[in-house]
Amino acid sequence: MQYVAMTTRQEKDMLLYTEKQLLVAYASHVWDIAKTNEYNPTLNIEVPTVEEFRLIYEDVWNQRYGEVE
């Protein structure tokens, strides 16, 4: 299993996640966007690339992790 290491903004802590975890979250995000676009076509939300989503995913985990401290 391959892990992706990501340092937090504080540069002292590190979050680890697998590529599979990222892709599962990405699939869920894309599904949510598709459903939103289906029910409200005036929004037409664009689907991010996996690499764009990676930044979102890491930012969300940074926010969640930062709240624990």
N, C-alpha and C. Protein backbone atom coordinates (compact mmCIF):
# COMPACT_ATOMS: atom_id res chain seq x y z
N MET A 1 0.85 -1.17 0.00
CA MET A 1 0.00 0.00 0.00
C MET A 1 0.90 1.24 0.00
N GLN A 2 0.59 2.17 -0.85
CA GLN A 2 1.40 3.38 -0.96
C GLN A 2 0.71 4.53 -0.26
N TYR A 3 1.45 5.23 0.59
CA TYR A 3 0.92 6.37 1.31
C TYR A 3 1.44 7.65 0.70
N VAL A 4 0.64 8.69 0.79
CA VAL A 4 1.04 10.02 0.37
C VAL A 4 1.24 10.83 1.63
N ALA A 5 2.41 11.41 1.79
CA ALA A 5 2.69 12.23 2.97
C ALA A 5 2.41 13.68 2.64
N MET A 6 1.77 14.36 3.56
CA MET A 6 1.49 15.76 3.36
C MET A 6 1.74 16.48 4.67
N THR A 7 2.56 17.50 4.65
CA THR A 7 2.81 18.25 5.87
C THR A 7 1.72 19.29 6.05
N THR A 8 1.41 19.58 7.29
CA THR A 8 0.39 20.59 7.57
C THR A 8 1.03 21.97 7.49
N ARG A 9 0.20 22.97 7.60
CA ARG A 9 0.71 24.34 7.50
C ARG A 9 1.72 24.64 8.60
N GLN A 10 1.59 23.98 9.73
CA GLN A 10 2.52 24.21 10.82
C GLN A 10 3.88 23.58 10.55
N GLU A 11 3.97 22.74 9.53
CA GLU A 11 5.19 22.05 9.11
C GLU A 11 5.78 21.15 10.19
N LYS A 12 5.06 20.92 11.28
CA LYS A 12 5.58 20.03 12.31
C LYS A 12 4.84 18.71 12.34
N ASP A 13 3.66 18.69 11.78
CA ASP A 13 2.84 17.50 11.75
C ASP A 13 2.70 17.01 10.32
N MET A 14 2.35 15.75 10.18
CA MET A 14 2.18 15.18 8.84
C MET A 14 0.92 14.35 8.81
N LEU A 15 0.17 14.51 7.73
CA LEU A 15 -1.00 13.67 7.50
C LEU A 15 -0.65 12.64 6.45
N LEU A 16 -1.10 11.43 6.65
CA LEU A 16 -0.87 10.37 5.67
C LEU A 16 -2.21 9.89 5.15
N TYR A 17 -2.27 9.68 3.85
CA TYR A 17 -3.45 9.10 3.25
C TYR A 17 -3.01 8.28 2.05
N THR A 18 -3.83 7.31 1.70
CA THR A 18 -3.50 6.50 0.53
C THR A 18 -4.14 7.12 -0.71
N GLU A 19 -3.61 6.75 -1.84
CA GLU A 19 -4.18 7.21 -3.10
C GLU A 19 -5.61 6.68 -3.25
N LYS A 20 -5.85 5.49 -2.72
CA LYS A 20 -7.20 4.92 -2.77
C LYS A 20 -8.18 5.76 -1.96
N GLN A 21 -7.77 6.23 -0.78
CA GLN A 21 -8.63 7.09 0.02
C GLN A 21 -8.96 8.37 -0.75
N LEU A 22 -7.97 8.93 -1.40
CA LEU A 22 -8.18 10.14 -2.20
C LEU A 22 -9.17 9.87 -3.32
N LEU A 23 -8.99 8.76 -4.03
CA LEU A 23 -9.86 8.46 -5.17
C LEU A 23 -11.29 8.14 -4.75
N VAL A 24 -11.46 7.51 -3.60
CA VAL A 24 -12.81 7.25 -3.09
C VAL A 24 -13.49 8.58 -2.75
N ALA A 25 -12.76 9.48 -2.09
CA ALA A 25 -13.32 10.79 -1.77
C ALA A 25 -13.62 11.58 -3.05
N TYR A 26 -12.74 11.46 -4.04
CA TYR A 26 -12.94 12.14 -5.32
C TYR A 26 -14.20 11.64 -6.01
N ALA A 27 -14.39 10.33 -6.04
CA ALA A 27 -15.58 9.75 -6.67
C ALA A 27 -16.85 10.26 -5.98
N SER A 28 -16.83 10.33 -4.68
CA SER A 28 -17.97 10.83 -3.93
C SER A 28 -18.24 12.30 -4.26
N HIS A 29 -17.17 13.08 -4.35
CA HIS A 29 -17.29 14.50 -4.68
C HIS A 29 -17.86 14.70 -6.08
N VAL A 30 -17.37 13.93 -7.03
CA VAL A 30 -17.86 14.02 -8.41
C VAL A 30 -19.34 13.62 -8.46
N TRP A 31 -19.71 12.59 -7.73
CA TRP A 31 -21.11 12.16 -7.68
C TRP A 31 -21.99 13.28 -7.12
N ASP A 32 -21.53 13.92 -6.04
CA ASP A 32 -22.29 15.02 -5.46
C ASP A 32 -22.46 16.17 -6.46
N ILE A 33 -21.41 16.48 -7.18
CA ILE A 33 -21.48 17.54 -8.19
C ILE A 33 -22.46 17.16 -9.29
N ALA A 34 -22.40 15.93 -9.75
CA ALA A 34 -23.30 15.47 -10.81
C ALA A 34 -24.76 15.57 -10.37
N LYS A 35 -25.04 15.16 -9.14
CA LYS A 35 -26.40 15.24 -8.62
C LYS A 35 -26.85 16.69 -8.47
N THR A 36 -25.97 17.54 -8.00
CA THR A 36 -26.30 18.96 -7.86
C THR A 36 -26.60 19.57 -9.22
N ASN A 37 -25.76 19.26 -10.20
CA ASN A 37 -25.98 19.77 -11.56
C ASN A 37 -27.28 19.24 -12.17
N GLU A 38 -27.61 17.99 -11.84
CA GLU A 38 -28.83 17.38 -12.36
C GLU A 38 -30.07 18.07 -11.81
N TYR A 39 -30.04 18.34 -10.49
CA TYR A 39 -31.22 18.93 -9.84
C TYR A 39 -31.29 20.45 -9.98
N ASN A 40 -30.16 21.07 -10.28
CA ASN A 40 -30.13 22.51 -10.44
C ASN A 40 -29.20 22.87 -11.60
N PRO A 41 -29.67 22.69 -12.83
CA PRO A 41 -28.80 22.88 -14.01
C PRO A 41 -28.31 24.32 -14.20
N THR A 42 -28.92 25.27 -13.53
CA THR A 42 -28.45 26.65 -13.67
C THR A 42 -27.10 26.86 -12.99
N LEU A 43 -26.76 26.01 -12.03
CA LEU A 43 -25.46 26.14 -11.36
C LEU A 43 -24.32 25.67 -12.25
N ASN A 44 -24.46 24.51 -12.84
CA ASN A 44 -23.43 23.91 -13.70
C ASN A 44 -22.03 23.97 -13.07
N ILE A 45 -21.87 23.29 -11.97
CA ILE A 45 -20.59 23.23 -11.26
C ILE A 45 -19.62 22.38 -12.04
N GLU A 46 -18.41 22.88 -12.22
CA GLU A 46 -17.39 22.12 -12.95
C GLU A 46 -16.76 21.08 -12.04
N VAL A 47 -16.43 19.95 -12.61
CA VAL A 47 -15.77 18.88 -11.87
C VAL A 47 -14.27 19.14 -11.89
N PRO A 48 -13.63 19.17 -10.71
CA PRO A 48 -12.18 19.39 -10.69
C PRO A 48 -11.44 18.14 -11.17
N THR A 49 -10.21 18.34 -11.60
CA THR A 49 -9.36 17.19 -11.91
C THR A 49 -8.97 16.53 -10.59
N VAL A 50 -8.41 15.35 -10.67
CA VAL A 50 -7.96 14.67 -9.44
C VAL A 50 -6.90 15.52 -8.73
N GLU A 51 -6.01 16.12 -9.49
CA GLU A 51 -4.96 16.94 -8.87
C GLU A 51 -5.52 18.20 -8.24
N GLU A 52 -6.54 18.79 -8.84
CA GLU A 52 -7.21 19.94 -8.23
C GLU A 52 -7.93 19.51 -6.96
N PHE A 53 -8.56 18.34 -7.03
CA PHE A 53 -9.27 17.82 -5.87
C PHE A 53 -8.30 17.48 -4.74
N ARG A 54 -7.11 17.02 -5.08
CA ARG A 54 -6.10 16.70 -4.06
C ARG A 54 -5.86 17.90 -3.14
N LEU A 55 -5.79 19.10 -3.72
CA LEU A 55 -5.59 20.31 -2.92
C LEU A 55 -6.78 20.56 -1.99
N ILE A 56 -7.98 20.33 -2.51
CA ILE A 56 -9.19 20.49 -1.70
C ILE A 56 -9.17 19.47 -0.55
N TYR A 57 -8.88 18.23 -0.88
CA TYR A 57 -8.86 17.13 0.09
C TYR A 57 -7.86 17.42 1.21
N GLU A 58 -6.66 17.84 0.83
CA GLU A 58 -5.63 18.13 1.83
C GLU A 58 -6.02 19.33 2.68
N ASP A 59 -6.62 20.33 2.08
CA ASP A 59 -7.03 21.52 2.82
C ASP A 59 -8.11 21.18 3.84
N VAL A 60 -9.07 20.34 3.44
CA VAL A 60 -10.13 19.94 4.37
C VAL A 60 -9.53 19.18 5.55
N TRP A 61 -8.61 18.27 5.28
CA TRP A 61 -7.99 17.52 6.38
C TRP A 61 -7.12 18.42 7.25
N ASN A 62 -6.47 19.41 6.66
CA ASN A 62 -5.72 20.38 7.46
C ASN A 62 -6.64 21.13 8.40
N GLN A 63 -7.80 21.54 7.89
CA GLN A 63 -8.77 22.25 8.73
C GLN A 63 -9.28 21.34 9.84
N ARG A 64 -9.63 20.12 9.52
CA ARG A 64 -10.13 19.18 10.54
C ARG A 64 -9.06 18.87 11.56
N TYR A 65 -7.85 18.64 11.12
CA TYR A 65 -6.76 18.31 12.02
C TYR A 65 -6.41 19.51 12.91
N GLY A 66 -6.45 20.69 12.33
CA GLY A 66 -6.14 21.90 13.09
C GLY A 66 -7.14 22.17 14.19
N GLU A 67 -8.40 21.75 13.99
CA GLU A 67 -9.43 21.95 15.00
C GLU A 67 -9.21 21.08 16.22
N VAL A 68 -8.51 19.98 16.09
CA VAL A 68 -8.28 19.05 17.19
C VAL A 68 -7.30 19.63 18.19
N GLU A 69 -6.33 20.38 17.69
CA GLU A 69 -5.28 20.90 18.58
C GLU A 69 -5.77 21.95 19.52
